[in-house]
Amino acid sequence: MKPLNVQFTDGLTPDVFADLVGKRYEMVVTDKPDFLFYNCHSYAHLDYRDCVKIFVTNECVVPNFNECDYAIGYDYLTFENRYLRFPYYYRHGPLSVPRPPVTGDLARRKFCNFIYCNTSGGEGSRLRQEFCRKLMAYKHVDCPGRVLNNMPEAIEPRGGNWIAGKLDFLKKYKFTIAFENARANGYTTEKLIHAFQGHTIPIYWGNPRVAEEFNPRAFVNANDYGNDLDAVVRRVAEIDSNDALYLDMLAQDPLRPDFAYRTDEKMEQFLFDIFERGNRPLPKCPTGLGGDRDISVSRHVLYAALTKITWGDARAFYQRRLHKQKRNLKF
């Protein structure tokens, strides 16, 4: 096979695309790559030059095409041959495991679960805690995660696999609270998928366009109720108190019949086309991040402080600037 010099950084590891790349190439991981794959969890990609950069994210982050040549993400974007929409949940093989038949005993399972460890991940982390407390006023909700925990060590890592243990846990419940960290078009994660795989009814908040891919008759879509969480609670209570209604929802196919799920072939073609074009980085506009001149220690310290006291885009700006200028410190 032809060797392919690659590197993975900022939250990505070689195993992410090893099987796919191995269909045509011998993957060689090196510090002098022709192709760099990176995520959004750090800024080490700024240290690499003279290579094709491919941004791949599982987070609610829009690609910056002034830093990457190509991108794979969740957004509904059209940008010539430089972008592929491949949402994070595609990698979870959602709903590929045969679902058990719907029987009356499934309506007699425990009420609802809430499994989260993140209290500061965005608007969704606040809303889901607020919603869980409201739902608890109707009926008890089991919370085995770190957030609102009332069931310490309740999820057993099956064979060391926490996700498998989580899915075993979900199968005991009628409903699963499945709120994303953030609300963005196209951004659907494993939170919804795990609920379906556990054969529960998800109570979902997040992607406003989720019903374009997932069957709206198979889950409670909190997006339909705006910010009225009380209305969502009433809808869940209505379904919970009506076995026929509950079982009908549970029997629904989670995916819309007109949705073409898992476009693995598109992923392969997207990457192989990039590789065949060779190490040819595309022209980019200047970002104005600096870093090509000497930086005083005092200014470096200032940027470090600003990363601690700013948030959102401003914080990301100073984090990038800090990383890019660290090699230009002048003492």
Protein backbone atom coordinates (compact mmCIF):
# COMPACT_ATOMS: atom_id res chain seq x y z
CA MET A 1 0.00 0.00 0.00
CA LYS A 2 1.04 3.59 -0.57
CA PRO A 3 2.20 5.25 2.71
CA LEU A 4 0.16 8.20 4.02
CA ASN A 5 1.93 10.53 6.45
CA VAL A 6 -0.61 11.78 9.00
CA GLN A 7 -0.91 13.24 12.48
CA PHE A 8 -3.82 13.57 14.92
CA THR A 9 -4.08 16.28 17.55
CA ASP A 10 -6.33 18.45 19.71
CA GLY A 11 -8.53 15.58 20.87
CA LEU A 12 -8.29 13.18 17.93
CA THR A 13 -6.37 9.89 18.02
CA PRO A 14 -5.14 7.64 15.18
CA ASP A 15 -7.85 5.04 15.78
CA VAL A 16 -10.54 7.49 14.64
CA PHE A 17 -9.91 6.87 10.93
CA ALA A 18 -7.47 3.94 11.03
CA ASP A 19 -9.86 1.38 9.51
CA LEU A 20 -11.04 3.73 6.79
CA VAL A 21 -7.57 4.97 5.80
CA GLY A 22 -6.27 1.40 5.87
CA LYS A 23 -8.53 0.43 2.97
CA ARG A 24 -6.20 2.17 0.56
CA TYR A 25 -3.15 3.43 2.43
CA GLU A 26 -0.55 2.46 4.98
CA MET A 27 -1.11 5.07 7.69
CA VAL A 28 2.17 6.49 9.03
CA VAL A 29 1.79 8.74 12.09
CA THR A 30 4.57 11.33 12.07
CA ASP A 31 5.40 14.78 13.41
CA LYS A 32 5.96 15.92 9.83
CA PRO A 33 2.62 14.97 8.29
CA ASP A 34 1.18 15.64 4.89
CA PHE A 35 -2.30 15.52 6.43
CA LEU A 36 -3.22 16.73 9.91
CA PHE A 37 -6.51 15.75 11.57
CA TYR A 38 -7.53 17.89 14.56
CA ASN A 39 -10.46 18.65 16.87
CA CYS A 40 -11.42 21.72 18.91
CA HIS A 41 -10.10 20.74 22.34
CA SER A 42 -6.74 22.51 22.07
CA TYR A 43 -4.62 24.53 19.64
CA ALA A 44 -1.68 22.27 18.82
CA HIS A 45 -2.76 22.31 15.17
CA LEU A 46 -1.40 25.88 15.01
CA ASP A 47 2.10 24.45 15.44
CA TYR A 48 1.88 22.54 12.16
CA ARG A 49 2.62 24.12 8.81
CA ASP A 50 3.08 22.91 5.26
CA CYS A 51 0.39 20.25 5.56
CA VAL A 52 -3.27 19.82 4.70
CA LYS A 53 -5.40 20.39 7.81
CA ILE A 54 -8.68 18.53 8.26
CA PHE A 55 -10.92 19.69 11.12
CA VAL A 56 -13.11 16.93 12.58
CA THR A 57 -15.38 17.76 15.51
CA ASN A 58 -17.83 16.05 17.83
CA GLU A 59 -18.60 19.32 19.61
CA CYS A 60 -20.88 22.26 18.89
CA VAL A 61 -18.17 24.19 17.03
CA VAL A 62 -18.35 25.67 13.53
CA PRO A 63 -15.29 25.02 11.32
CA ASN A 64 -12.88 27.91 10.84
CA PHE A 65 -11.79 27.67 7.21
CA ASN A 66 -9.07 30.25 7.84
CA GLU A 67 -7.35 27.56 9.91
CA CYS A 68 -8.37 24.34 8.15
CA ASP A 69 -8.35 23.25 4.53
CA TYR A 70 -11.23 20.80 4.93
CA ALA A 71 -13.77 20.05 7.65
CA ILE A 72 -16.14 17.34 8.82
CA GLY A 73 -18.90 18.46 11.17
CA TYR A 74 -22.60 18.66 11.99
CA ASP A 75 -23.49 22.00 10.34
CA TYR A 76 -25.64 22.28 7.25
CA LEU A 77 -22.90 23.94 5.20
CA THR A 78 -22.09 24.03 1.52
CA PHE A 79 -18.51 24.99 0.71
CA GLU A 80 -17.40 23.52 -2.61
CA ASN A 81 -15.48 20.28 -1.92
CA ARG A 82 -14.12 21.43 1.41
CA TYR A 83 -16.86 20.31 3.79
CA LEU A 84 -18.70 17.10 4.65
CA ARG A 85 -21.69 16.93 6.98
CA PHE A 86 -21.18 13.80 9.08
CA PRO A 87 -22.82 14.29 12.51
CA TYR A 88 -21.14 12.81 15.56
CA TYR A 89 -23.96 10.33 16.16
CA TYR A 90 -23.23 8.59 12.84
CA ARG A 91 -20.20 7.02 14.53
CA HIS A 92 -22.34 5.43 17.22
CA GLY A 93 -24.03 3.01 14.86
CA PRO A 94 -27.38 4.22 16.17
CA LEU A 95 -30.27 1.81 16.12
CA SER A 96 -28.22 -0.87 14.36
CA VAL A 97 -28.95 -3.29 17.22
CA PRO A 98 -32.36 -4.96 16.69
CA ARG A 99 -34.96 -3.45 18.98
CA PRO A 100 -36.95 -5.84 21.17
CA PRO A 101 -40.65 -6.30 20.48
CA VAL A 102 -42.99 -3.86 22.20
CA THR A 103 -44.89 -5.67 24.95
CA GLY A 104 -47.11 -4.41 27.74
CA ASP A 105 -44.49 -4.97 30.45
CA LEU A 106 -42.35 -2.17 28.95
CA ALA A 107 -44.99 0.30 30.13
CA ARG A 108 -44.48 -0.93 33.69
CA ARG A 109 -40.77 -0.13 33.91
CA LYS A 110 -39.31 2.55 36.17
CA PHE A 111 -40.34 6.07 35.24
CA CYS A 112 -37.37 8.15 34.04
CA ASN A 113 -33.61 8.61 34.30
CA PHE A 114 -31.22 11.56 34.09
CA ILE A 115 -27.53 10.74 33.49
CA TYR A 116 -25.18 13.73 33.37
CA CYS A 117 -21.81 14.77 34.74
CA ASN A 118 -21.56 18.24 33.17
CA THR A 119 -22.99 21.26 34.99
CA SER A 120 -21.46 24.01 32.85
CA GLY A 121 -21.60 22.80 29.26
CA GLY A 122 -23.92 25.47 27.91
CA GLU A 123 -27.57 26.51 28.02
CA GLY A 124 -28.68 22.89 27.91
CA SER A 125 -26.83 21.97 31.10
CA ARG A 126 -28.89 24.56 32.99
CA LEU A 127 -32.20 23.74 31.31
CA ARG A 128 -31.95 19.99 31.83
CA GLN A 129 -31.38 20.41 35.56
CA GLU A 130 -34.32 22.78 35.75
CA PHE A 131 -36.47 20.37 33.77
CA CYS A 132 -35.44 17.36 35.86
CA ARG A 133 -36.45 19.16 39.06
CA LYS A 134 -39.81 20.07 37.53
CA LEU A 135 -40.38 16.49 36.38
CA MET A 136 -39.54 15.23 39.87
CA ALA A 137 -42.54 17.22 41.14
CA TYR A 138 -44.65 14.82 39.07
CA LYS A 139 -42.75 11.59 39.75
CA HIS A 140 -39.33 10.49 40.99
CA VAL A 141 -36.45 10.59 38.48
CA ASP A 142 -33.37 8.40 38.99
CA CYS A 143 -30.09 10.34 38.61
CA PRO A 144 -27.01 8.07 38.70
CA GLY A 145 -24.61 10.66 37.22
CA ARG A 146 -22.69 13.34 39.10
CA VAL A 147 -25.39 15.96 38.43
CA LEU A 148 -28.38 15.78 40.81
CA ASN A 149 -27.09 12.38 41.92
CA ASN A 150 -29.49 10.27 43.97
CA MET A 151 -28.12 6.82 42.97
CA PRO A 152 -24.39 6.52 43.76
CA GLU A 153 -22.50 3.92 41.68
CA ALA A 154 -25.70 2.72 40.03
CA ILE A 155 -24.24 2.12 36.57
CA GLU A 156 -22.04 -0.94 36.35
CA PRO A 157 -19.33 -0.72 33.66
CA ARG A 158 -20.08 -3.92 31.76
CA GLY A 159 -16.71 -5.52 31.02
CA GLY A 160 -15.06 -2.17 31.65
CA ASN A 161 -17.27 -0.52 29.02
CA TRP A 162 -19.19 2.33 30.66
CA ILE A 163 -21.40 2.94 27.61
CA ALA A 164 -22.53 -0.70 27.60
CA GLY A 165 -23.32 -0.36 31.30
CA LYS A 166 -25.26 2.82 30.61
CA LEU A 167 -27.36 1.13 27.91
CA ASP A 168 -28.14 -1.75 30.27
CA PHE A 169 -29.26 0.83 32.82
CA LEU A 170 -31.48 2.72 30.33
CA LYS A 171 -33.41 -0.43 29.44
CA LYS A 172 -35.00 -0.36 32.90
CA TYR A 173 -36.81 2.95 32.22
CA LYS A 174 -39.76 4.28 30.26
CA PHE A 175 -38.21 7.70 29.61
CA THR A 176 -34.74 9.23 29.36
CA ILE A 177 -33.97 12.93 29.69
CA ALA A 178 -31.79 13.65 26.65
CA PHE A 179 -30.93 17.35 26.61
CA GLU A 180 -27.90 18.47 24.55
CA ASN A 181 -25.35 20.90 25.98
CA ALA A 182 -26.22 23.41 23.27
CA ARG A 183 -28.93 24.15 20.73
CA ALA A 184 -27.68 24.36 17.16
CA ASN A 185 -29.03 23.28 13.78
CA GLY A 186 -27.81 19.80 12.92
CA TYR A 187 -26.09 19.18 16.26
CA THR A 188 -27.40 15.83 17.53
CA THR A 189 -25.20 13.67 19.74
CA GLU A 190 -25.23 10.29 21.46
CA LYS A 191 -27.63 11.67 24.09
CA LEU A 192 -30.59 11.01 21.82
CA ILE A 193 -29.07 7.88 20.29
CA HIS A 194 -28.36 6.14 23.61
CA ALA A 195 -31.97 6.71 24.69
CA PHE A 196 -33.24 5.02 21.53
CA GLN A 197 -30.70 2.22 21.84
CA GLY A 198 -31.90 1.65 25.41
CA HIS A 199 -35.46 1.29 24.06
CA THR A 200 -36.78 4.19 26.09
CA ILE A 201 -38.62 7.30 24.93
CA PRO A 202 -36.21 10.26 24.80
CA ILE A 203 -37.24 13.64 26.19
CA TYR A 204 -35.08 15.69 23.86
CA TRP A 205 -33.88 19.29 23.71
CA GLY A 206 -31.25 20.60 21.33
CA ASN A 207 -31.06 20.47 17.54
CA PRO A 208 -34.02 22.56 16.23
CA ARG A 209 -34.01 20.46 13.04
CA VAL A 210 -33.88 17.08 14.76
CA ALA A 211 -37.27 16.07 13.32
CA GLU A 212 -35.80 16.21 9.81
CA GLU A 213 -33.83 13.05 10.61
CA PHE A 214 -35.62 11.44 13.57
CA ASN A 215 -39.27 10.45 13.70
CA PRO A 216 -41.12 13.08 15.79
CA ARG A 217 -43.68 10.40 16.81
CA ALA A 218 -40.91 8.42 18.57
CA PHE A 219 -39.80 10.99 21.15
CA VAL A 220 -40.87 14.05 23.14
CA ASN A 221 -39.33 17.07 21.41
CA ALA A 222 -38.97 19.82 23.99
CA ASN A 223 -38.02 22.21 21.18
CA ASP A 224 -41.69 22.21 20.17
CA TYR A 225 -42.62 23.87 23.47
CA GLY A 226 -40.20 26.79 23.41
CA ASN A 227 -39.05 27.56 26.92
CA ASP A 228 -42.21 26.19 28.53
CA LEU A 229 -40.72 23.30 30.49
CA ASP A 230 -43.96 22.91 32.43
CA ALA A 231 -45.71 22.06 29.16
CA VAL A 232 -43.09 19.40 28.46
CA VAL A 233 -43.71 17.91 31.91
CA ARG A 234 -47.45 17.79 31.20
CA ARG A 235 -46.83 16.02 27.90
CA VAL A 236 -44.59 13.41 29.56
CA ALA A 237 -47.19 12.88 32.29
CA GLU A 238 -49.87 12.39 29.64
CA ILE A 239 -47.84 9.70 27.88
CA ASP A 240 -46.82 8.07 31.17
CA SER A 241 -50.43 7.72 32.32
CA ASN A 242 -51.67 6.19 29.05
CA ASP A 243 -50.14 2.77 28.33
CA ALA A 244 -51.58 2.58 24.82
CA LEU A 245 -50.12 5.96 23.91
CA TYR A 246 -46.77 5.07 25.46
CA LEU A 247 -46.47 1.73 23.68
CA ASP A 248 -47.47 3.28 20.36
CA MET A 249 -44.64 5.79 20.66
CA LEU A 250 -42.21 3.08 21.71
CA ALA A 251 -43.10 1.05 18.62
CA GLN A 252 -42.26 3.87 16.24
CA ASP A 253 -39.14 3.67 14.09
CA PRO A 254 -36.75 6.26 15.55
CA LEU A 255 -35.61 7.38 12.09
CA ARG A 256 -37.73 9.11 9.50
CA PRO A 257 -38.36 6.78 6.54
CA ASP A 258 -37.03 9.40 4.11
CA PHE A 259 -33.75 9.91 5.98
CA ALA A 260 -30.69 8.21 4.49
CA TYR A 261 -28.66 7.31 7.54
CA ARG A 262 -24.93 6.48 7.70
CA THR A 263 -23.28 7.79 4.57
CA ASP A 264 -19.98 5.95 5.17
CA GLU A 265 -19.29 5.90 1.45
CA LYS A 266 -19.45 9.70 1.36
CA MET A 267 -16.90 9.88 4.19
CA GLU A 268 -14.54 7.56 2.33
CA GLN A 269 -14.86 9.45 -0.93
CA PHE A 270 -14.41 12.81 0.81
CA LEU A 271 -11.15 11.76 2.47
CA PHE A 272 -9.75 9.75 -0.43
CA ASP A 273 -10.26 12.72 -2.76
CA ILE A 274 -8.29 14.88 -0.33
CA PHE A 275 -5.48 12.34 -0.09
CA GLU A 276 -5.27 11.92 -3.86
CA ARG A 277 -4.89 15.68 -4.31
CA GLY A 278 -1.75 15.38 -2.18
CA ASN A 279 -0.14 17.78 0.26
CA ARG A 280 -1.54 20.95 -1.24
CA PRO A 281 -2.78 23.34 1.48
CA LEU A 282 -5.44 25.77 0.25
CA PRO A 283 -5.09 29.58 0.37
CA LYS A 284 -6.47 31.12 3.56
CA CYS A 285 -7.24 34.65 4.72
CA PRO A 286 -5.07 36.10 7.51
CA THR A 287 -6.66 35.60 10.94
CA GLY A 288 -4.97 38.52 12.67
CA LEU A 289 -3.85 36.29 15.52
CA GLY A 290 -0.27 37.48 15.44
CA GLY A 291 2.52 35.22 16.58
CA ASP A 292 5.06 36.07 13.88
CA ARG A 293 6.96 38.58 16.00
CA ASP A 294 8.50 38.67 19.45
CA ILE A 295 6.04 38.87 22.35
CA SER A 296 6.91 40.25 25.76
CA VAL A 297 6.37 38.17 28.87
CA SER A 298 3.98 40.80 30.25
CA ARG A 299 1.75 40.60 27.16
CA HIS A 300 1.84 36.80 27.29
CA VAL A 301 0.73 36.91 30.93
CA LEU A 302 -2.05 39.34 29.98
CA TYR A 303 -3.39 36.95 27.34
CA ALA A 304 -3.22 34.09 29.83
CA ALA A 305 -5.28 36.12 32.31
CA LEU A 306 -7.83 37.02 29.64
CA THR A 307 -8.43 33.34 28.90
CA LYS A 308 -9.52 32.96 32.53
CA ILE A 309 -11.94 35.87 32.72
CA THR A 310 -13.55 35.82 29.27
CA TRP A 311 -16.06 33.38 27.81
CA GLY A 312 -17.29 32.04 24.49
CA ASP A 313 -15.74 33.43 21.32
CA ALA A 314 -13.63 35.96 23.20
CA ARG A 315 -12.08 33.25 25.33
CA ALA A 316 -11.39 31.09 22.26
CA PHE A 317 -9.70 34.07 20.58
CA TYR A 318 -7.27 34.61 23.46
CA GLN A 319 -6.61 30.88 23.80
CA ARG A 320 -5.61 30.70 20.15
CA ARG A 321 -3.48 33.82 20.46
CA LEU A 322 -1.77 32.54 23.59
CA HIS A 323 -0.92 29.22 21.98
CA LYS A 324 0.32 30.73 18.74
CA GLN A 325 2.58 33.24 20.51
CA LYS A 326 4.13 30.95 23.09
CA ARG A 327 7.03 30.10 20.80
CA ASN A 328 7.77 33.81 20.21
CA LEU A 329 8.27 34.89 23.81
CA LYS A 330 11.08 37.43 24.24
CA PHE A 331 12.73 37.49 27.67
